[in-house]
């Protein structure tokens, strides 16, 4: 389980696979996933990375749906909760912390 903390927002808790996915998108390696800090100057690139990955994920889902329609197959079912729904609270936390010039920490 990951608990992301800041001084300007409430704690954001994610299950381990989801927190790991978010941190990988942000470019964190396995060594920095257990605990770390995200400084305000790194938050705008983090927001951009998350938003770009969400857009790519949604484009891939649309492409799979279009391919199924083209082949006359039923639309593929969504697998669990989308990346967008997982990322939105973290993006909101990043935006608030960036505006307040406060870091986000986890694992401490």
C-alpha atoms as a PDB file:
ATOM      1  CA  UNK A   1       0.000   0.000   0.000  1.00  0.00           C
ATOM      2  CA  UNK A   2       1.187   3.523  -0.770  1.00  0.00           C
ATOM      3  CA  UNK A   3       0.340   6.573   1.310  1.00  0.00           C
ATOM      4  CA  UNK A   4       1.216   9.837  -0.425  1.00  0.00           C
ATOM      5  CA  UNK A   5       1.395  12.740   2.028  1.00  0.00           C
ATOM      6  CA  UNK A   6       1.649  16.509   1.773  1.00  0.00           C
ATOM      7  CA  UNK A   7       1.092  19.489   4.005  1.00  0.00           C
ATOM      8  CA  UNK A   8      -1.638  20.970   1.783  1.00  0.00           C
ATOM      9  CA  UNK A   9      -3.808  17.941   1.002  1.00  0.00           C
ATOM     10  CA  UNK A  10      -5.148  14.932   2.784  1.00  0.00           C
ATOM     11  CA  UNK A  11      -3.262  11.667   2.474  1.00  0.00           C
ATOM     12  CA  UNK A  12      -3.798   9.786  -0.766  1.00  0.00           C
ATOM     13  CA  UNK A  13      -3.797   6.019  -0.273  1.00  0.00           C
ATOM     14  CA  UNK A  14      -3.354   3.601  -3.176  1.00  0.00           C
ATOM     15  CA  UNK A  15      -3.041  -0.138  -3.324  1.00  0.00           C
ATOM     16  CA  UNK A  16       0.486  -1.286  -4.123  1.00  0.00           C
ATOM     17  CA  UNK A  17      -0.024  -2.139  -7.829  1.00  0.00           C
ATOM     18  CA  UNK A  18      -1.726   1.197  -8.519  1.00  0.00           C
ATOM     19  CA  UNK A  19       0.824   3.264  -6.620  1.00  0.00           C
ATOM     20  CA  UNK A  20       3.642   1.403  -8.363  1.00  0.00           C
ATOM     21  CA  UNK A  21       2.044   2.097 -11.763  1.00  0.00           C
ATOM     22  CA  UNK A  22       1.792   5.830 -10.994  1.00  0.00           C
ATOM     23  CA  UNK A  23       5.402   5.964  -9.798  1.00  0.00           C
ATOM     24  CA  UNK A  24       6.625   4.122 -12.911  1.00  0.00           C
ATOM     25  CA  UNK A  25       4.854   6.678 -15.080  1.00  0.00           C
ATOM     26  CA  UNK A  26       6.738   9.353 -13.140  1.00  0.00           C
ATOM     27  CA  UNK A  27      10.004   7.598 -13.956  1.00  0.00           C
ATOM     28  CA  UNK A  28      10.732   6.222 -10.503  1.00  0.00           C
ATOM     29  CA  UNK A  29      12.813   3.058 -10.381  1.00  0.00           C
ATOM     30  CA  UNK A  30      12.313   0.121  -8.029  1.00  0.00           C
ATOM     31  CA  UNK A  31      14.770   1.542  -5.499  1.00  0.00           C
ATOM     32  CA  UNK A  32      12.839   4.817  -5.186  1.00  0.00           C
ATOM     33  CA  UNK A  33       9.378   3.265  -4.992  1.00  0.00           C
ATOM     34  CA  UNK A  34       9.495   2.192  -1.349  1.00  0.00           C
ATOM     35  CA  UNK A  35       9.922   5.753  -0.139  1.00  0.00           C
ATOM     36  CA  UNK A  36      10.584   9.053  -1.761  1.00  0.00           C
ATOM     37  CA  UNK A  37       9.851  12.699  -2.258  1.00  0.00           C
ATOM     38  CA  UNK A  38       8.470  14.648  -5.177  1.00  0.00           C
ATOM     39  CA  UNK A  39       9.607  18.258  -5.134  1.00  0.00           C
ATOM     40  CA  UNK A  40       7.446  21.119  -6.450  1.00  0.00           C
ATOM     41  CA  UNK A  41       9.763  21.737  -9.406  1.00  0.00           C
ATOM     42  CA  UNK A  42       9.147  18.166 -10.583  1.00  0.00           C
ATOM     43  CA  UNK A  43       5.361  18.340 -10.362  1.00  0.00           C
ATOM     44  CA  UNK A  44       4.557  19.998 -13.697  1.00  0.00           C
ATOM     45  CA  UNK A  45       6.535  17.338 -15.622  1.00  0.00           C
ATOM     46  CA  UNK A  46       4.845  14.668 -13.467  1.00  0.00           C
ATOM     47  CA  UNK A  47       1.405  16.051 -14.321  1.00  0.00           C
ATOM     48  CA  UNK A  48       2.304  16.127 -18.017  1.00  0.00           C
ATOM     49  CA  UNK A  49       3.589  12.521 -17.884  1.00  0.00           C
ATOM     50  CA  UNK A  50       0.442  11.258 -16.167  1.00  0.00           C
ATOM     51  CA  UNK A  51      -1.894  13.136 -18.511  1.00  0.00           C
ATOM     52  CA  UNK A  52       0.010  11.894 -21.582  1.00  0.00           C
ATOM     53  CA  UNK A  53      -0.092   8.294 -20.362  1.00  0.00           C
ATOM     54  CA  UNK A  54      -3.806   8.536 -19.612  1.00  0.00           C
ATOM     55  CA  UNK A  55      -4.403   9.915 -23.131  1.00  0.00           C
ATOM     56  CA  UNK A  56      -2.366   7.061 -24.665  1.00  0.00           C
ATOM     57  CA  UNK A  57      -4.290   4.497 -22.608  1.00  0.00           C
ATOM     58  CA  UNK A  58      -7.634   5.918 -23.713  1.00  0.00           C
ATOM     59  CA  UNK A  59      -6.525   6.077 -27.359  1.00  0.00           C
ATOM     60  CA  UNK A  60      -5.509   2.409 -27.191  1.00  0.00           C
ATOM     61  CA  UNK A  61      -8.911   1.503 -25.702  1.00  0.00           C
ATOM     62  CA  UNK A  62     -10.695   3.374 -28.495  1.00  0.00           C
ATOM     63  CA  UNK A  63      -8.540   1.652 -31.093  1.00  0.00           C
ATOM     64  CA  UNK A  64      -9.367  -1.783 -29.644  1.00  0.00           C
ATOM     65  CA  UNK A  65     -13.067  -0.890 -29.686  1.00  0.00           C
ATOM     66  CA  UNK A  66     -12.875   0.292 -33.306  1.00  0.00           C
ATOM     67  CA  UNK A  67     -11.025  -2.865 -34.351  1.00  0.00           C
ATOM     68  CA  UNK A  68     -13.712  -4.982 -32.713  1.00  0.00           C
ATOM     69  CA  UNK A  69     -16.440  -3.033 -34.505  1.00  0.00           C
ATOM     70  CA  UNK A  70     -14.618  -3.386 -37.828  1.00  0.00           C
ATOM     71  CA  UNK A  71     -14.443  -7.165 -37.334  1.00  0.00           C
ATOM     72  CA  UNK A  72     -18.081  -7.382 -36.227  1.00  0.00           C
ATOM     73  CA  UNK A  73     -17.070  -8.534 -32.766  1.00  0.00           C
ATOM     74  CA  UNK A  74     -18.554  -7.369 -29.485  1.00  0.00           C
ATOM     75  CA  UNK A  75     -16.873  -4.405 -27.871  1.00  0.00           C
ATOM     76  CA  UNK A  76     -14.130  -5.406 -25.438  1.00  0.00           C
ATOM     77  CA  UNK A  77     -15.057  -5.023 -21.795  1.00  0.00           C
ATOM     78  CA  UNK A  78     -13.161  -2.540 -19.710  1.00  0.00           C
ATOM     79  CA  UNK A  79     -10.700  -4.246 -17.394  1.00  0.00           C
ATOM     80  CA  UNK A  80     -11.188  -2.904 -13.885  1.00  0.00           C
ATOM     81  CA  UNK A  81     -10.846   0.752 -13.048  1.00  0.00           C
ATOM     82  CA  UNK A  82      -9.299   2.902 -15.746  1.00  0.00           C
ATOM     83  CA  UNK A  83      -5.947   4.612 -15.431  1.00  0.00           C
ATOM     84  CA  UNK A  84      -7.745   7.965 -15.637  1.00  0.00           C
ATOM     85  CA  UNK A  85      -9.768   7.199 -12.500  1.00  0.00           C
ATOM     86  CA  UNK A  86      -6.625   6.056 -10.695  1.00  0.00           C
ATOM     87  CA  UNK A  87      -4.584   9.089 -11.782  1.00  0.00           C
ATOM     88  CA  UNK A  88      -7.105  11.926 -11.285  1.00  0.00           C
ATOM     89  CA  UNK A  89      -6.734  12.160  -7.468  1.00  0.00           C
ATOM     90  CA  UNK A  90      -2.943  12.075  -7.754  1.00  0.00           C
ATOM     91  CA  UNK A  91      -2.953  14.746 -10.472  1.00  0.00           C
ATOM     92  CA  UNK A  92      -5.171  16.932  -8.268  1.00  0.00           C
ATOM     93  CA  UNK A  93      -2.735  16.430  -5.376  1.00  0.00           C
ATOM     94  CA  UNK A  94       0.190  17.344  -7.631  1.00  0.00           C
ATOM     95  CA  UNK A  95      -1.519  20.520  -8.815  1.00  0.00           C
ATOM     96  CA  UNK A  96      -2.383  21.692  -5.304  1.00  0.00           C
ATOM     97  CA  UNK A  97       1.096  20.942  -3.976  1.00  0.00           C
ATOM     98  CA  UNK A  98       2.782  22.616  -6.930  1.00  0.00           C
ATOM     99  CA  UNK A  99       0.708  25.778  -6.414  1.00  0.00           C
ATOM    100  CA  UNK A 100       1.501  25.784  -2.688  1.00  0.00           C
ATOM    101  CA  UNK A 101       5.200  24.976  -3.326  1.00  0.00           C
ATOM    102  CA  UNK A 102       5.004  21.890  -1.061  1.00  0.00           C
ATOM    103  CA  UNK A 103       6.485  18.447  -1.656  1.00  0.00           C
ATOM    104  CA  UNK A 104       4.762  15.063  -1.681  1.00  0.00           C
ATOM    105  CA  UNK A 105       6.356  12.203   0.253  1.00  0.00           C
ATOM    106  CA  UNK A 106       5.641   8.488   0.537  1.00  0.00           C
ATOM    107  CA  UNK A 107       6.969   5.640   2.619  1.00  0.00           C
ATOM    108  CA  UNK A 108       8.092   7.853   5.493  1.00  0.00           C
END
